Structures are given as C-alpha cells and as structure tokens.
Amino acid sequence: MNGDSFFKQLKQLCRVVEQGLQGVTQETENNQSKRSPAGAIKRLVDLKTDIQDMQDQGTQLLQRLSLEGKAFDQILRISQQYIEIHQQRVQTIEEHWTKYGYQKPGRWLVSSPKLMK
C-alpha cells in the first residue's frame, strides 16, 4: 500500500466525517429534523395536542347531538299525543254523525275517474 494513497483516503474520510458532523449539528440546532430527538419530541407534542383537540371536538359534537336527540324525542312524543287526540276527536265526530245517517265514503269514490278529474 502506498503512503500517499493511505493519507489521501484518510483525508477524504476526515472530510466526510466533518461534513456529516456539520450536518448533524445543523439539524440539532434547527430542531427541524424528524430524526433529531428534539424534533421527534416536538412532533410528538404536536400530535398529542392535535389528538386532544380532536377529542374535545368529538365530545362537544356528542353533547350537541345528545341534546338535539332529546329535543327530537320530545317533539316526537308531543306529535304522537297530538295525533292520538285528533284521531279520538275524528272518531267522536264520526260516531255523532252516524247517529244522523252519515256513512263513510266507500272505495268506489276514491277510485272513481269522475272524482279524479
């Protein structure tokens, strides 16, 4: 092995090591690299914050939908009561009218072409 060749290779190796060391130093100082510990910690903190925000939004949405669901159930119950009351009223009126000869319309009236015009 030639002495000059050995020193040339050693010099090139030193340059490569220096360049790598400078790159690592810059990445650590900037904290922008995902490979550096500081960058990884920052990324984890950001992800944790994002997850917490999403959980808060989900909780708020669930609460809002729960309240809306309760309100809808109440409206539904009131509507059912309203329908039952009016069905009873209609039945009472029909019973009263039948005393005086009222008859419910037959199916022939509904399907009659004259009534459809």
PDB file of N, CA and C in Angstrom:
ATOM      1  N   MET A   1       0.829  -1.162   0.000  1.00  0.00           N
ATOM      2  CA  MET A   1       0.000   0.000   0.000  1.00  0.00           C
ATOM      3  C   MET A   1       0.880   1.233   0.000  1.00  0.00           C
ATOM      4  N   ASN A   2       0.543   2.175  -0.758  1.00  0.00           N
ATOM      5  CA  ASN A   2       1.282   3.398  -0.931  1.00  0.00           C
ATOM      6  C   ASN A   2       0.959   4.358   0.211  1.00  0.00           C
ATOM      7  N   GLY A   3       1.941   5.083   0.733  1.00  0.00           N
ATOM      8  CA  GLY A   3       1.769   6.026   1.840  1.00  0.00           C
ATOM      9  C   GLY A   3       0.891   7.202   1.451  1.00  0.00           C
ATOM     10  N   ASP A   4       1.120   7.702   0.213  1.00  0.00           N
ATOM     11  CA  ASP A   4       0.302   8.817  -0.262  1.00  0.00           C
ATOM     12  C   ASP A   4      -1.155   8.404  -0.376  1.00  0.00           C
ATOM     13  N   SER A   5      -1.395   7.222  -0.845  1.00  0.00           N
ATOM     14  CA  SER A   5      -2.766   6.723  -1.018  1.00  0.00           C
ATOM     15  C   SER A   5      -3.477   6.617   0.331  1.00  0.00           C
ATOM     16  N   PHE A   6      -2.745   6.143   1.333  1.00  0.00           N
ATOM     17  CA  PHE A   6      -3.334   5.997   2.667  1.00  0.00           C
ATOM     18  C   PHE A   6      -3.745   7.358   3.222  1.00  0.00           C
ATOM     19  N   PHE A   7      -2.870   8.345   3.084  1.00  0.00           N
ATOM     20  CA  PHE A   7      -3.157   9.670   3.624  1.00  0.00           C
ATOM     21  C   PHE A   7      -4.275  10.368   2.830  1.00  0.00           C
ATOM     22  N   LYS A   8      -4.321  10.111   1.533  1.00  0.00           N
ATOM     23  CA  LYS A   8      -5.418  10.666   0.731  1.00  0.00           C
ATOM     24  C   LYS A   8      -6.751  10.095   1.192  1.00  0.00           C
ATOM     25  N   GLN A   9      -6.789   8.798   1.418  1.00  0.00           N
ATOM     26  CA  GLN A   9      -8.020   8.160   1.878  1.00  0.00           C
ATOM     27  C   GLN A   9      -8.397   8.661   3.280  1.00  0.00           C
ATOM     28  N   LEU A  10      -7.378   8.817   4.121  1.00  0.00           N
ATOM     29  CA  LEU A  10      -7.611   9.314   5.478  1.00  0.00           C
ATOM     30  C   LEU A  10      -8.147  10.745   5.431  1.00  0.00           C
ATOM     31  N   LYS A  11      -7.587  11.561   4.529  1.00  0.00           N
ATOM     32  CA  LYS A  11      -8.039  12.943   4.382  1.00  0.00           C
ATOM     33  C   LYS A  11      -9.484  12.985   3.875  1.00  0.00           C
ATOM     34  N   GLN A  12      -9.809  12.146   2.914  1.00  0.00           N
ATOM     35  CA  GLN A  12     -11.176  12.084   2.400  1.00  0.00           C
ATOM     36  C   GLN A  12     -12.144  11.620   3.491  1.00  0.00           C
ATOM     37  N   LEU A  13     -11.712  10.653   4.281  1.00  0.00           N
ATOM     38  CA  LEU A  13     -12.544  10.162   5.381  1.00  0.00           C
ATOM     39  C   LEU A  13     -12.802  11.274   6.393  1.00  0.00           C
ATOM     40  N   CYS A  14     -11.789  12.056   6.681  1.00  0.00           N
ATOM     41  CA  CYS A  14     -11.949  13.183   7.620  1.00  0.00           C
ATOM     42  C   CYS A  14     -12.939  14.207   7.073  1.00  0.00           C
ATOM     43  N   ARG A  15     -12.872  14.477   5.783  1.00  0.00           N
ATOM     44  CA  ARG A  15     -13.803  15.419   5.162  1.00  0.00           C
ATOM     45  C   ARG A  15     -15.247  14.902   5.272  1.00  0.00           C
ATOM     46  N   VAL A  16     -15.426  13.629   4.980  1.00  0.00           N
ATOM     47  CA  VAL A  16     -16.764  13.031   5.052  1.00  0.00           C
ATOM     48  C   VAL A  16     -17.296  13.098   6.485  1.00  0.00           C
ATOM     49  N   VAL A  17     -16.432  12.769   7.448  1.00  0.00           N
ATOM     50  CA  VAL A  17     -16.838  12.808   8.857  1.00  0.00           C
ATOM     51  C   VAL A  17     -17.174  14.241   9.261  1.00  0.00           C
ATOM     52  N   GLU A  18     -16.355  15.220   8.845  1.00  0.00           N
ATOM     53  CA  GLU A  18     -16.620  16.626   9.169  1.00  0.00           C
ATOM     54  C   GLU A  18     -17.942  17.088   8.573  1.00  0.00           C
ATOM     55  N   GLN A  19     -18.188  16.739   7.304  1.00  0.00           N
ATOM     56  CA  GLN A  19     -19.435  17.138   6.659  1.00  0.00           C
ATOM     57  C   GLN A  19     -20.637  16.514   7.382  1.00  0.00           C
ATOM     58  N   GLY A  20     -20.508  15.261   7.748  1.00  0.00           N
ATOM     59  CA  GLY A  20     -21.582  14.593   8.482  1.00  0.00           C
ATOM     60  C   GLY A  20     -21.818  15.230   9.843  1.00  0.00           C
ATOM     61  N   LEU A  21     -20.722  15.576  10.512  1.00  0.00           N
ATOM     62  CA  LEU A  21     -20.818  16.217  11.820  1.00  0.00           C
ATOM     63  C   LEU A  21     -21.471  17.589  11.708  1.00  0.00           C
ATOM     64  N   GLN A  22     -21.113  18.340  10.669  1.00  0.00           N
ATOM     65  CA  GLN A  22     -21.741  19.647  10.450  1.00  0.00           C
ATOM     66  C   GLN A  22     -23.237  19.499  10.166  1.00  0.00           C
ATOM     67  N   GLY A  23     -23.584  18.522   9.374  1.00  0.00           N
ATOM     68  CA  GLY A  23     -24.998  18.284   9.065  1.00  0.00           C
ATOM     69  C   GLY A  23     -25.805  17.928  10.311  1.00  0.00           C
ATOM     70  N   VAL A  24     -25.246  17.041  11.129  1.00  0.00           N
ATOM     71  CA  VAL A  24     -25.930  16.646  12.369  1.00  0.00           C
ATOM     72  C   VAL A  24     -26.067  17.841  13.301  1.00  0.00           C
ATOM     73  N   THR A  25     -25.015  18.648  13.397  1.00  0.00           N
ATOM     74  CA  THR A  25     -25.050  19.827  14.256  1.00  0.00           C
ATOM     75  C   THR A  25     -26.120  20.810  13.789  1.00  0.00           C
ATOM     76  N   GLN A  26     -26.207  21.036  12.500  1.00  0.00           N
ATOM     77  CA  GLN A  26     -27.207  21.948  11.952  1.00  0.00           C
ATOM     78  C   GLN A  26     -28.629  21.416  12.209  1.00  0.00           C
ATOM     79  N   GLU A  27     -28.839  20.136  12.015  1.00  0.00           N
ATOM     80  CA  GLU A  27     -30.157  19.550  12.255  1.00  0.00           C
ATOM     81  C   GLU A  27     -30.563  19.681  13.716  1.00  0.00           C
ATOM     82  N   THR A  28     -29.623  19.458  14.609  1.00  0.00           N
ATOM     83  CA  THR A  28     -29.909  19.560  16.041  1.00  0.00           C
ATOM     84  C   THR A  28     -30.214  21.000  16.423  1.00  0.00           C
ATOM     85  N   GLU A  29     -29.450  21.942  15.878  1.00  0.00           N
ATOM     86  CA  GLU A  29     -29.659  23.353  16.209  1.00  0.00           C
ATOM     87  C   GLU A  29     -30.983  23.869  15.656  1.00  0.00           C
ATOM     88  N   ASN A  30     -31.359  23.452  14.487  1.00  0.00           N
ATOM     89  CA  ASN A  30     -32.593  23.931  13.861  1.00  0.00           C
ATOM     90  C   ASN A  30     -33.846  23.248  14.419  1.00  0.00           C
ATOM     91  N   ASN A  31     -33.685  22.094  15.035  1.00  0.00           N
ATOM     92  CA  ASN A  31     -34.817  21.311  15.572  1.00  0.00           C
ATOM     93  C   ASN A  31     -35.885  21.038  14.511  1.00  0.00           C
ATOM     94  N   GLN A  32     -35.499  20.989  13.259  1.00  0.00           N
ATOM     95  CA  GLN A  32     -36.459  20.757  12.200  1.00  0.00           C
ATOM     96  C   GLN A  32     -36.371  19.346  11.649  1.00  0.00           C
ATOM     97  N   SER A  33     -35.406  18.627  12.065  1.00  0.00           N
ATOM     98  CA  SER A  33     -35.243  17.273  11.549  1.00  0.00           C
ATOM     99  C   SER A  33     -36.117  16.311  12.338  1.00  0.00           C
ATOM    100  N   LYS A  34     -36.728  15.409  11.676  1.00  0.00           N
ATOM    101  CA  LYS A  34     -37.540  14.399  12.341  1.00  0.00           C
ATOM    102  C   LYS A  34     -36.656  13.346  13.007  1.00  0.00           C
ATOM    103  N   ARG A  35     -35.429  13.281  12.570  1.00  0.00           N
ATOM    104  CA  ARG A  35     -34.522  12.276  13.125  1.00  0.00           C
ATOM    105  C   ARG A  35     -33.887  12.734  14.427  1.00  0.00           C
ATOM    106  N   SER A  36     -33.827  14.042  14.677  1.00  0.00           N
ATOM    107  CA  SER A  36     -33.205  14.523  15.910  1.00  0.00           C
ATOM    108  C   SER A  36     -34.167  14.317  17.078  1.00  0.00           C
ATOM    109  N   PRO A  37     -33.638  14.088  18.268  1.00  0.00           N
ATOM    110  CA  PRO A  37     -34.506  13.878  19.435  1.00  0.00           C
ATOM    111  C   PRO A  37     -35.421  15.069  19.714  1.00  0.00           C
ATOM    112  N   ALA A  38     -34.906  16.280  19.564  1.00  0.00           N
ATOM    113  CA  ALA A  38     -35.730  17.459  19.824  1.00  0.00           C
ATOM    114  C   ALA A  38     -36.860  17.556  18.806  1.00  0.00           C
ATOM    115  N   GLY A  39     -36.554  17.252  17.555  1.00  0.00           N
ATOM    116  CA  GLY A  39     -37.587  17.277  16.520  1.00  0.00           C
ATOM    117  C   GLY A  39     -38.644  16.219  16.751  1.00  0.00           C
ATOM    118  N   ALA A  40     -38.215  15.047  17.191  1.00  0.00           N
ATOM    119  CA  ALA A  40     -39.160  13.968  17.465  1.00  0.00           C
ATOM    120  C   ALA A  40     -40.060  14.327  18.636  1.00  0.00           C
ATOM    121  N   ILE A  41     -39.494  14.917  19.664  1.00  0.00           N
ATOM    122  CA  ILE A  41     -40.291  15.320  20.828  1.00  0.00           C
ATOM    123  C   ILE A  41     -41.297  16.398  20.432  1.00  0.00           C
ATOM    124  N   LYS A  42     -40.838  17.366  19.638  1.00  0.00           N
ATOM    125  CA  LYS A  42     -41.741  18.421  19.178  1.00  0.00           C
ATOM    126  C   LYS A  42     -42.876  17.830  18.353  1.00  0.00           C
ATOM    127  N   ARG A  43     -42.567  16.892  17.504  1.00  0.00           N
ATOM    128  CA  ARG A  43     -43.578  16.239  16.664  1.00  0.00           C
ATOM    129  C   ARG A  43     -44.585  15.489  17.532  1.00  0.00           C
ATOM    130  N   LEU A  44     -44.105  14.786  18.552  1.00  0.00           N
ATOM    131  CA  LEU A  44     -44.993  14.061  19.456  1.00  0.00           C
ATOM    132  C   LEU A  44     -45.907  15.016  20.219  1.00  0.00           C
ATOM    133  N   VAL A  45     -45.367  16.123  20.678  1.00  0.00           N
ATOM    134  CA  VAL A  45     -46.176  17.114  21.397  1.00  0.00           C
ATOM    135  C   VAL A  45     -47.251  17.679  20.469  1.00  0.00           C
ATOM    136  N   ASP A  46     -46.870  17.980  19.219  1.00  0.00           N
ATOM    137  CA  ASP A  46     -47.842  18.485  18.253  1.00  0.00           C
ATOM    138  C   ASP A  46     -48.948  17.462  18.000  1.00  0.00           C
ATOM    139  N   LEU A  47     -48.572  16.193  17.827  1.00  0.00           N
ATOM    140  CA  LEU A  47     -49.565  15.151  17.605  1.00  0.00           C
ATOM    141  C   LEU A  47     -50.496  14.989  18.810  1.00  0.00           C
ATOM    142  N   LYS A  48     -49.916  15.041  20.006  1.00  0.00           N
ATOM    143  CA  LYS A  48     -50.724  14.916  21.221  1.00  0.00           C
ATOM    144  C   LYS A  48     -51.716  16.072  21.317  1.00  0.00           C
ATOM    145  N   THR A  49     -51.273  17.272  20.993  1.00  0.00           N
ATOM    146  CA  THR A  49     -52.158  18.441  21.006  1.00  0.00           C
ATOM    147  C   THR A  49     -53.276  18.280  19.984  1.00  0.00           C
ATOM    148  N   ASP A  50     -52.932  17.825  18.786  1.00  0.00           N
ATOM    149  CA  ASP A  50     -53.939  17.597  17.749  1.00  0.00           C
ATOM    150  C   ASP A  50     -54.958  16.561  18.194  1.00  0.00           C
ATOM    151  N   ILE A  51     -54.496  15.486  18.798  1.00  0.00           N
ATOM    152  CA  ILE A  51     -55.397  14.426  19.266  1.00  0.00           C
ATOM    153  C   ILE A  51     -56.325  14.965  20.351  1.00  0.00           C
ATOM    154  N   GLN A  52     -55.788  15.752  21.271  1.00  0.00           N
ATOM    155  CA  GLN A  52     -56.605  16.333  22.344  1.00  0.00           C
ATOM    156  C   GLN A  52     -57.671  17.263  21.766  1.00  0.00           C
ATOM    157  N   ASP A  53     -57.283  18.070  20.772  1.00  0.00           N
ATOM    158  CA  ASP A  53     -58.249  18.955  20.114  1.00  0.00           C
ATOM    159  C   ASP A  53     -59.358  18.150  19.443  1.00  0.00           C
ATOM    160  N   MET A  54     -58.984  17.068  18.772  1.00  0.00           N
ATOM    161  CA  MET A  54     -59.982  16.226  18.107  1.00  0.00           C
ATOM    162  C   MET A  54     -60.911  15.574  19.130  1.00  0.00           C
ATOM    163  N   GLN A  55     -60.364  15.148  20.258  1.00  0.00           N
ATOM    164  CA  GLN A  55     -61.195  14.556  21.303  1.00  0.00           C
ATOM    165  C   GLN A  55     -62.166  15.593  21.858  1.00  0.00           C
ATOM    166  N   ASP A  56     -61.707  16.807  22.066  1.00  0.00           N
ATOM    167  CA  ASP A  56     -62.572  17.873  22.564  1.00  0.00           C
ATOM    168  C   ASP A  56     -63.693  18.169  21.572  1.00  0.00           C
ATOM    169  N   GLN A  57     -63.348  18.239  20.297  1.00  0.00           N
ATOM    170  CA  GLN A  57     -64.358  18.482  19.274  1.00  0.00           C
ATOM    171  C   GLN A  57     -65.372  17.344  19.228  1.00  0.00           C
ATOM    172  N   GLY A  58     -64.893  16.114  19.351  1.00  0.00           N
ATOM    173  CA  GLY A  58     -65.789  14.961  19.359  1.00  0.00           C
ATOM    174  C   GLY A  58     -66.718  14.976  20.557  1.00  0.00           C
ATOM    175  N   THR A  59     -66.201  15.349  21.710  1.00  0.00           N
ATOM    176  CA  THR A  59     -67.024  15.433  22.921  1.00  0.00           C
ATOM    177  C   THR A  59     -68.091  16.505  22.764  1.00  0.00           C
ATOM    178  N   GLN A  60     -67.709  17.660  22.243  1.00  0.00           N
ATOM    179  CA  GLN A  60     -68.669  18.738  22.033  1.00  0.00           C
ATOM    180  C   GLN A  60     -69.750  18.319  21.033  1.00  0.00           C
ATOM    181  N   LEU A  61     -69.359  17.659  19.967  1.00  0.00           N
ATOM    182  CA  LEU A  61     -70.320  17.195  18.971  1.00  0.00           C
ATOM    183  C   LEU A  61     -71.276  16.169  19.579  1.00  0.00           C
ATOM    184  N   LEU A  62     -70.746  15.261  20.371  1.00  0.00           N
ATOM    185  CA  LEU A  62     -71.578  14.252  21.019  1.00  0.00           C
ATOM    186  C   LEU A  62     -72.585  14.901  21.962  1.00  0.00           C
ATOM    187  N   GLN A  63     -72.156  15.890  22.731  1.00  0.00           N
ATOM    188  CA  GLN A  63     -73.068  16.588  23.639  1.00  0.00           C
ATOM    189  C   GLN A  63     -74.164  17.316  22.860  1.00  0.00           C
ATOM    190  N   ARG A  64     -73.781  17.990  21.787  1.00  0.00           N
ATOM    191  CA  ARG A  64     -74.763  18.715  20.979  1.00  0.00           C
ATOM    192  C   ARG A  64     -75.775  17.755  20.363  1.00  0.00           C
ATOM    193  N   LEU A  65     -75.281  16.642  19.813  1.00  0.00           N
ATOM    194  CA  LEU A  65     -76.187  15.669  19.201  1.00  0.00           C
ATOM    195  C   LEU A  65     -77.087  15.019  20.243  1.00  0.00           C
ATOM    196  N   SER A  66     -76.578  14.820  21.442  1.00  0.00           N
ATOM    197  CA  SER A  66     -77.382  14.252  22.518  1.00  0.00           C
ATOM    198  C   SER A  66     -78.530  15.193  22.874  1.00  0.00           C
ATOM    199  N   LEU A  67     -78.234  16.488  22.986  1.00  0.00           N
ATOM    200  CA  LEU A  67     -79.279  17.467  23.284  1.00  0.00           C
ATOM    201  C   LEU A  67     -80.309  17.543  22.158  1.00  0.00           C
ATOM    202  N   GLU A  68     -79.820  17.528  20.921  1.00  0.00           N
ATOM    203  CA  GLU A  68     -80.728  17.565  19.780  1.00  0.00           C
ATOM    204  C   GLU A  68     -81.592  16.307  19.734  1.00  0.00           C
ATOM    205  N   GLY A  69     -81.010  15.168  20.079  1.00  0.00           N
ATOM    206  CA  GLY A  69     -81.760  13.914  20.107  1.00  0.00           C
ATOM    207  C   GLY A  69     -82.853  13.941  21.164  1.00  0.00           C
ATOM    208  N   LYS A  70     -82.538  14.491  22.337  1.00  0.00           N
ATOM    209  CA  LYS A  70     -83.543  14.600  23.395  1.00  0.00           C
ATOM    210  C   LYS A  70     -84.674  15.522  22.963  1.00  0.00           C
ATOM    211  N   ALA A  71     -84.322  16.635  22.331  1.00  0.00           N
ATOM    212  CA  ALA A  71     -85.344  17.573  21.849  1.00  0.00           C
ATOM    213  C   ALA A  71     -86.208  16.903  20.780  1.00  0.00           C
ATOM    214  N   PHE A  72     -85.605  16.140  19.898  1.00  0.00           N
ATOM    215  CA  PHE A  72     -86.361  15.444  18.860  1.00  0.00           C
ATOM    216  C   PHE A  72     -87.298  14.408  19.467  1.00  0.00           C
ATOM    217  N   ASP A  73     -86.826  13.677  20.473  1.00  0.00           N
ATOM    218  CA  ASP A  73     -87.678  12.692  21.139  1.00  0.00           C
ATOM    219  C   ASP A  73     -88.881  13.369  21.781  1.00  0.00           C
ATOM    220  N   GLN A  74     -88.665  14.526  22.375  1.00  0.00           N
ATOM    221  CA  GLN A  74     -89.764  15.250  22.994  1.00  0.00           C
ATOM    222  C   GLN A  74     -90.770  15.715  21.938  1.00  0.00           C
ATOM    223  N   ILE A  75     -90.286  16.230  20.833  1.00  0.00           N
ATOM    224  CA  ILE A  75     -91.169  16.653  19.739  1.00  0.00           C
ATOM    225  C   ILE A  75     -91.946  15.454  19.203  1.00  0.00           C
ATOM    226  N   LEU A  76     -91.280  14.324  19.084  1.00  0.00           N
ATOM    227  CA  LEU A  76     -91.940  13.113  18.591  1.00  0.00           C
ATOM    228  C   LEU A  76     -93.058  12.673  19.530  1.00  0.00           C
ATOM    229  N   ARG A  77     -92.801  12.686  20.838  1.00  0.00           N
ATOM    230  CA  ARG A  77     -93.833  12.309  21.807  1.00  0.00           C
ATOM    231  C   ARG A  77     -95.026  13.260  21.738  1.00  0.00           C
ATOM    232  N   ILE A  78     -94.756  14.550  21.664  1.00  0.00           N
ATOM    233  CA  ILE A  78     -95.836  15.542  21.575  1.00  0.00           C
ATOM    234  C   ILE A  78     -96.640  15.336  20.296  1.00  0.00           C
ATOM    235  N   SER A  79     -95.941  15.053  19.196  1.00  0.00           N
ATOM    236  CA  SER A  79     -96.629  14.816  17.921  1.00  0.00           C
ATOM    237  C   SER A  79     -97.523  13.578  18.002  1.00  0.00           C
ATOM    238  N   GLN A  80     -97.025  12.520  18.627  1.00  0.00           N
ATOM    239  CA  GLN A  80     -97.837  11.309  18.773  1.00  0.00           C
ATOM    240  C   GLN A  80     -99.083  11.580  19.618  1.00  0.00           C
ATOM    241  N   GLN A  81     -98.915  12.356  20.697  1.00  0.00           N
ATOM    242  CA  GLN A  81    -100.068  12.705  21.523  1.00  0.00           C
ATOM    243  C   GLN A  81    -101.068  13.539  20.720  1.00  0.00           C
ATOM    244  N   TYR A  82    -100.566  14.468  19.948  1.00  0.00           N
ATOM    245  CA  TYR A  82    -101.408  15.322  19.110  1.00  0.00           C
ATOM    246  C   TYR A  82    -102.217  14.473  18.121  1.00  0.00           C
ATOM    247  N   ILE A  83    -101.557  13.524  17.487  1.00  0.00           N
ATOM    248  CA  ILE A  83    -102.236  12.647  16.522  1.00  0.00           C
ATOM    249  C   ILE A  83    -103.309  11.817  17.223  1.00  0.00           C
ATOM    250  N   GLU A  84    -102.980  11.255  18.388  1.00  0.00           N
ATOM    251  CA  GLU A  84    -103.958  10.451  19.126  1.00  0.00           C
ATOM    252  C   GLU A  84    -105.174  11.275  19.524  1.00  0.00           C
ATOM    253  N   ILE A  85    -104.944  12.496  19.992  1.00  0.00           N
ATOM    254  CA  ILE A  85    -106.072  13.370  20.376  1.00  0.00           C
ATOM    255  C   ILE A  85    -106.969  13.653  19.185  1.00  0.00           C
ATOM    256  N   HIS A  86    -106.367  13.975  18.047  1.00  0.00           N
ATOM    257  CA  HIS A  86    -107.175  14.303  16.867  1.00  0.00           C
ATOM    258  C   HIS A  86    -107.859  13.070  16.277  1.00  0.00           C
ATOM    259  N   GLN A  87    -107.235  11.913  16.393  1.00  0.00           N
ATOM    260  CA  GLN A  87    -107.910  10.689  15.947  1.00  0.00           C
ATOM    261  C   GLN A  87    -109.130  10.420  16.815  1.00  0.00           C
ATOM    262  N   GLN A  88    -108.996  10.648  18.112  1.00  0.00           N
ATOM    263  CA  GLN A  88    -110.141  10.472  19.003  1.00  0.00           C
ATOM    264  C   GLN A  88    -111.239  11.472  18.671  1.00  0.00           C
ATOM    265  N   ARG A  89    -110.882  12.701  18.387  1.00  0.00           N
ATOM    266  CA  ARG A  89    -111.875  13.717  18.022  1.00  0.00           C
ATOM    267  C   ARG A  89    -112.604  13.345  16.734  1.00  0.00           C
ATOM    268  N   VAL A  90    -111.833  12.898  15.743  1.00  0.00           N
ATOM    269  CA  VAL A  90    -112.455  12.484  14.476  1.00  0.00           C
ATOM    270  C   VAL A  90    -113.405  11.313  14.717  1.00  0.00           C
ATOM    271  N   GLN A  91    -113.000  10.357  15.518  1.00  0.00           N
ATOM    272  CA  GLN A  91    -113.838   9.197  15.820  1.00  0.00           C
ATOM    273  C   GLN A  91    -115.115   9.643  16.536  1.00  0.00           C
ATOM    274  N   THR A  92    -114.990  10.584  17.480  1.00  0.00           N
ATOM    275  CA  THR A  92    -116.163  11.089  18.198  1.00  0.00           C
ATOM    276  C   THR A  92    -117.117  11.782  17.227  1.00  0.00           C
ATOM    277  N   ILE A  93    -116.579  12.592  16.332  1.00  0.00           N
ATOM    278  CA  ILE A  93    -117.416  13.290  15.339  1.00  0.00           C
ATOM    279  C   ILE A  93    -118.100  12.289  14.419  1.00  0.00           C
ATOM    280  N   GLU A  94    -117.345  11.262  13.947  1.00  0.00           N
ATOM    281  CA  GLU A  94    -117.942  10.252  13.072  1.00  0.00           C
ATOM    282  C   GLU A  94    -119.048   9.491  13.790  1.00  0.00           C
ATOM    283  N   GLU A  95    -118.839   9.167  15.064  1.00  0.00           N
ATOM    284  CA  GLU A  95    -119.877   8.474  15.828  1.00  0.00           C
ATOM    285  C   GLU A  95    -121.122   9.349  15.960  1.00  0.00           C
ATOM    286  N   HIS A  96    -120.930  10.620  16.185  1.00  0.00           N
ATOM    287  CA  HIS A  96    -122.065  11.543  16.283  1.00  0.00           C
ATOM    288  C   HIS A  96    -122.814  11.620  14.954  1.00  0.00           C
ATOM    289  N   TRP A  97    -122.074  11.715  13.872  1.00  0.00           N
ATOM    290  CA  TRP A  97    -122.708  11.826  12.554  1.00  0.00           C
ATOM    291  C   TRP A  97    -123.433  10.542  12.159  1.00  0.00           C
ATOM    292  N   THR A  98    -122.888   9.380  12.564  1.00  0.00           N
ATOM    293  CA  THR A  98    -123.551   8.122  12.199  1.00  0.00           C
ATOM    294  C   THR A  98    -124.927   8.015  12.845  1.00  0.00           C
ATOM    295  N   LYS A  99    -125.128   8.698  13.963  1.00  0.00           N
ATOM    296  CA  LYS A  99    -126.462   8.726  14.580  1.00  0.00           C
ATOM    297  C   LYS A  99    -127.479   9.385  13.648  1.00  0.00           C
ATOM    298  N   TYR A 100    -127.004  10.268  12.797  1.00  0.00           N
ATOM    299  CA  TYR A 100    -127.879  11.018  11.889  1.00  0.00           C
ATOM    300  C   TYR A 100    -127.756  10.544  10.449  1.00  0.00           C
ATOM    301  N   GLY A 101    -127.221   9.344  10.246  1.00  0.00           N
ATOM    302  CA  GLY A 101    -127.204   8.745   8.918  1.00  0.00           C
ATOM    303  C   GLY A 101    -125.920   8.930   8.120  1.00  0.00           C
ATOM    304  N   TYR A 102    -124.873   9.422   8.692  1.00  0.00           N
ATOM    305  CA  TYR A 102    -123.599   9.596   7.981  1.00  0.00           C
ATOM    306  C   TYR A 102    -122.981   8.234   7.705  1.00  0.00           C
ATOM    307  N   GLN A 103    -122.484   8.070   6.482  1.00  0.00           N
ATOM    308  CA  GLN A 103    -121.764   6.862   6.124  1.00  0.00           C
ATOM    309  C   GLN A 103    -120.410   7.267   5.546  1.00  0.00           C
ATOM    310  N   LYS A 104    -119.412   6.498   5.924  1.00  0.00           N
ATOM    311  CA  LYS A 104    -118.066   6.771   5.406  1.00  0.00           C
ATOM    312  C   LYS A 104    -118.060   6.531   3.902  1.00  0.00           C
ATOM    313  N   PRO A 105    -117.289   7.326   3.166  1.00  0.00           N
ATOM    314  CA  PRO A 105    -117.200   7.104   1.716  1.00  0.00           C
ATOM    315  C   PRO A 105    -116.603   5.722   1.432  1.00  0.00           C
ATOM    316  N   GLY A 106    -117.144   5.072   0.410  1.00  0.00           N
ATOM    317  CA  GLY A 106    -116.631   3.765   0.021  1.00  0.00           C
ATOM    318  C   GLY A 106    -115.423   3.897  -0.878  1.00  0.00           C
ATOM    319  N   ARG A 107    -114.839   2.788  -1.176  1.00  0.00           N
ATOM    320  CA  ARG A 107    -113.658   2.793  -2.049  1.00  0.00           C
ATOM    321  C   ARG A 107    -114.012   3.228  -3.469  1.00  0.00           C
ATOM    322  N   TRP A 108    -115.241   3.036  -3.853  1.00  0.00           N
ATOM    323  CA  TRP A 108    -115.624   3.413  -5.214  1.00  0.00           C
ATOM    324  C   TRP A 108    -115.521   4.912  -5.435  1.00  0.00           C
ATOM    325  N   LEU A 109    -115.621   5.715  -4.400  1.00  0.00           N
ATOM    326  CA  LEU A 109    -115.472   7.156  -4.565  1.00  0.00           C
ATOM    327  C   LEU A 109    -114.006   7.553  -4.769  1.00  0.00           C
ATOM    328  N   VAL A 110    -113.148   6.861  -4.122  1.00  0.00           N
ATOM    329  CA  VAL A 110    -111.730   7.207  -4.210  1.00  0.00           C
ATOM    330  C   VAL A 110    -111.170   6.866  -5.584  1.00  0.00           C
ATOM    331  N   SER A 111    -111.619   5.740  -6.150  1.00  0.00           N
ATOM    332  CA  SER A 111    -111.063   5.324  -7.424  1.00  0.00           C
ATOM    333  C   SER A 111    -111.909   5.758  -8.618  1.00  0.00           C
ATOM    334  N   SER A 112    -112.937   6.522  -8.376  1.00  0.00           N
ATOM    335  CA  SER A 112    -113.816   6.953  -9.461  1.00  0.00           C
ATOM    336  C   SER A 112    -113.095   7.921 -10.376  1.00  0.00           C
ATOM    337  N   PRO A 113    -113.155   7.680 -11.705  1.00  0.00           N
ATOM    338  CA  PRO A 113    -112.479   8.579 -12.645  1.00  0.00           C
ATOM    339  C   PRO A 113    -113.089   9.976 -12.634  1.00  0.00           C
ATOM    340  N   LYS A 114    -114.383  10.082 -12.312  1.00  0.00           N
ATOM    341  CA  LYS A 114    -115.009  11.399 -12.306  1.00  0.00           C
ATOM    342  C   LYS A 114    -114.426  12.266 -11.189  1.00  0.00           C
ATOM    343  N   LEU A 115    -114.112  11.650 -10.072  1.00  0.00           N
ATOM    344  CA  LEU A 115    -113.570  12.411  -8.958  1.00  0.00           C
ATOM    345  C   LEU A 115    -112.104  12.756  -9.181  1.00  0.00           C
ATOM    346  N   MET A 116    -111.433  11.994  -9.995  1.00  0.00           N
ATOM    347  CA  MET A 116    -110.019  12.232 -10.254  1.00  0.00           C
ATOM    348  C   MET A 116    -109.814  13.451 -11.145  1.00  0.00           C
ATOM    349  N   LYS A 117    -110.835  13.797 -11.930  1.00  0.00           N
ATOM    350  CA  LYS A 117    -110.692  14.930 -12.852  1.00  0.00           C
ATOM    351  C   LYS A 117    -110.758  16.165 -12.087  1.00  0.00           C
TER     352      LYS A 117
END
